[in-house]
Protein backbone atom coordinates (compact mmCIF):
# COMPACT_ATOMS: atom_id res chain seq x y z
CA MET A 1 1.40 23.55 -33.71
CA THR A 2 4.42 24.07 -31.08
CA LEU A 3 4.29 25.25 -27.59
CA ALA A 4 6.63 28.30 -27.20
CA TYR A 5 7.87 31.10 -24.58
CA ILE A 6 8.41 34.16 -24.91
CA ALA A 7 10.34 36.93 -22.69
CA LEU A 8 9.36 39.94 -22.12
CA GLY A 9 11.03 42.96 -21.60
CA SER A 10 10.91 47.27 -20.89
CA ASN A 11 12.13 49.41 -19.00
CA LEU A 12 11.55 53.04 -20.70
CA GLY A 13 7.97 54.88 -21.47
CA ASP A 14 5.37 53.24 -19.69
CA ALA A 15 6.78 49.95 -19.11
CA GLN A 16 3.99 48.12 -17.76
CA ALA A 17 1.81 49.44 -20.62
CA GLN A 18 4.15 48.32 -22.92
CA VAL A 19 4.63 44.66 -21.80
CA LEU A 20 0.74 44.04 -21.54
CA GLY A 21 0.24 45.48 -25.29
CA ALA A 22 2.74 42.56 -26.19
CA PHE A 23 1.15 40.25 -24.60
CA ALA A 24 -2.32 41.41 -27.24
CA ALA A 25 0.08 41.81 -30.09
CA LEU A 26 0.91 38.05 -29.46
CA ASP A 27 -2.05 36.37 -29.40
CA ALA A 28 -2.77 38.80 -32.80
CA LEU A 29 0.48 36.68 -34.30
CA PRO A 30 -0.49 34.91 -37.51
CA GLN A 31 -1.23 30.99 -36.62
CA THR A 32 -0.61 31.47 -33.22
CA ARG A 33 -2.58 31.55 -29.53
CA LEU A 34 -1.34 33.23 -26.44
CA LEU A 35 -2.26 30.07 -23.77
CA ALA A 36 -0.79 32.39 -20.46
CA ARG A 37 0.66 35.00 -18.96
CA SER A 38 3.17 35.15 -16.05
CA PRO A 39 2.69 37.88 -13.56
CA LEU A 40 4.62 41.00 -14.49
CA TYR A 41 8.07 41.32 -12.40
CA LEU A 42 10.04 44.48 -11.55
CA THR A 43 13.50 43.63 -11.44
CA PRO A 44 17.27 45.56 -11.65
CA PRO A 45 18.59 46.19 -14.68
CA TRP A 46 20.93 43.36 -15.89
CA GLY A 47 24.54 44.46 -17.73
CA VAL A 48 24.41 47.52 -18.40
CA LEU A 49 23.61 48.94 -14.43
CA GLU A 50 22.95 52.30 -15.20
CA GLN A 51 19.23 52.58 -16.79
CA PRO A 52 16.25 52.58 -15.26
CA PRO A 53 14.80 48.79 -13.36
CA PHE A 54 12.62 46.41 -16.07
CA ILE A 55 9.16 44.90 -16.40
CA ASN A 56 9.66 41.48 -17.05
CA ALA A 57 7.41 38.55 -18.09
CA VAL A 58 7.47 35.61 -19.67
CA ALA A 59 4.28 34.73 -22.34
CA GLN A 60 3.34 30.75 -23.32
CA ILE A 61 2.13 30.69 -26.83
CA ASP A 62 0.88 28.38 -29.18
CA THR A 63 2.39 28.70 -32.76
CA ALA A 64 2.29 27.13 -36.40
CA LEU A 65 4.86 29.72 -37.20
CA THR A 66 8.79 28.20 -37.67
CA PRO A 67 11.92 29.78 -35.10
CA HIS A 68 12.66 32.48 -37.96
CA GLU A 69 8.92 33.38 -38.64
CA LEU A 70 8.05 33.89 -35.26
CA LEU A 71 11.59 35.71 -34.73
CA ASP A 72 10.56 37.74 -37.90
CA ALA A 73 7.20 38.14 -35.94
CA LEU A 74 8.77 39.54 -32.65
CA LEU A 75 11.24 41.80 -34.18
CA LYS A 76 8.27 43.30 -36.10
CA VAL A 77 5.68 43.83 -32.86
CA GLU A 78 9.28 45.64 -31.27
CA ARG A 79 9.07 48.02 -33.77
CA ALA A 80 5.82 48.68 -33.82
CA ALA A 81 6.71 49.93 -29.73
CA GLY A 82 9.22 51.78 -31.10
CA ARG A 83 12.13 49.46 -30.64
CA VAL A 84 15.31 50.48 -32.34
CA ARG A 85 17.84 47.96 -32.49
CA ASP A 86 20.95 49.94 -32.52
CA GLY A 87 23.68 47.46 -31.50
CA GLU A 88 23.20 48.14 -28.46
CA ARG A 89 23.68 45.15 -25.66
CA TRP A 90 21.67 45.19 -22.89
CA GLY A 91 20.84 48.80 -22.85
CA PRO A 92 17.56 50.65 -22.02
CA ARG A 93 14.51 49.59 -24.43
CA THR A 94 10.71 50.37 -25.25
CA LEU A 95 10.15 46.40 -25.90
CA ASP A 96 12.32 43.36 -25.52
CA LEU A 97 11.07 40.17 -26.77
CA ASP A 98 13.11 37.33 -26.97
CA VAL A 99 11.91 33.22 -28.05
CA LEU A 100 13.32 31.37 -24.91
CA HIS A 101 12.42 28.24 -25.76
CA MET A 102 10.20 25.67 -28.17
CA ASP A 103 9.52 22.41 -27.78
CA GLY A 104 11.21 19.97 -29.64
CA VAL A 105 13.60 22.95 -31.40
CA ALA A 106 17.39 22.92 -31.22
CA LEU A 107 18.53 25.60 -33.08
CA SER A 108 22.01 27.57 -33.75
CA ASP A 109 22.40 29.78 -36.04
CA ASP A 110 23.39 33.42 -37.17
CA ARG A 111 20.58 34.70 -36.35
CA LEU A 112 18.52 32.47 -33.58
CA THR A 113 19.78 29.96 -30.50
CA LEU A 114 17.33 27.57 -28.76
CA PRO A 115 16.89 27.15 -26.32
CA HIS A 116 17.88 30.84 -25.68
CA PRO A 117 21.10 30.02 -24.21
CA ARG A 118 21.75 32.81 -20.91
CA MET A 119 17.99 31.99 -19.87
CA ALA A 120 19.57 30.17 -17.12
CA GLU A 121 21.61 32.92 -15.87
CA ARG A 122 18.80 35.29 -15.65
CA ALA A 123 16.63 35.77 -12.56
CA PHE A 124 14.04 37.98 -14.45
CA VAL A 125 13.69 35.04 -16.78
CA LEU A 126 13.44 32.37 -14.69
CA LEU A 127 11.07 33.95 -12.67
CA PRO A 128 8.26 34.55 -14.20
CA LEU A 129 9.47 31.26 -16.42
CA ASN A 130 8.35 29.20 -13.00
CA ASP A 131 5.23 30.86 -12.65
CA LEU A 132 3.93 28.95 -16.24
CA ALA A 133 6.16 26.31 -16.49
CA PRO A 134 8.32 25.25 -12.75
CA ALA A 135 8.76 21.65 -14.59
CA LEU A 136 9.91 22.56 -18.12
CA ALA A 137 13.25 20.73 -18.53
CA LEU A 138 16.19 22.90 -20.86
CA PRO A 139 18.22 20.85 -22.16
CA GLY A 140 21.65 20.91 -21.27
CA GLN A 141 20.54 23.07 -18.04
CA GLY A 142 17.86 21.46 -16.10
CA LYS A 143 14.29 22.44 -14.62
CA VAL A 144 13.25 25.71 -14.54
CA ALA A 145 12.54 25.00 -11.14
CA ASP A 146 15.63 23.71 -9.93
CA LEU A 147 17.95 26.72 -11.98
CA LEU A 148 15.53 29.39 -9.82
CA ALA A 149 16.12 27.31 -6.64
CA ALA A 150 19.87 28.21 -7.17
CA MET A 151 19.41 31.92 -8.93
CA ASP A 152 19.73 34.82 -6.58
CA THR A 153 16.38 37.15 -7.04
CA THR A 154 17.34 39.93 -4.75
CA GLY A 155 15.68 43.08 -6.46
CA CYS A 156 13.07 41.22 -7.97
CA GLU A 157 9.65 41.73 -6.97
CA ARG A 158 6.43 40.56 -8.28
CA LEU A 159 4.08 43.24 -8.98
CA PRO A 160 0.41 42.84 -7.82
């Protein structure tokens, strides 16, 4: 089993329900167990600014799936939630699931890069990840808590 962190986000439809449903879907994946889930955050859009705000969170899982099997399972969960990947980057979506980190895994190919190469640039990832793993050291980037301390979190709100 491998400890992994998954980013969850949504800004279409009932975004909060989409993210909460995705936590349950992660726990139902084969050979996978949901260990912890972060609080939800309301965050401004990133990349394409002319879209609704996002609901973001992070899940900590334990999985026997390989990185690519996990990616394929996450894509299936996204499709079940109505996600259509049309090539647009950073646009609105019903559900977005990203593998952020898998303990002991360094990988870069045409489908997946681990650890996620841009998570240290994104408050919407670091805030919920810090709730679960502030001491997690991201190879070549630093500890989550230190990265978050240097991050502008303006406009990000932890939801009750």
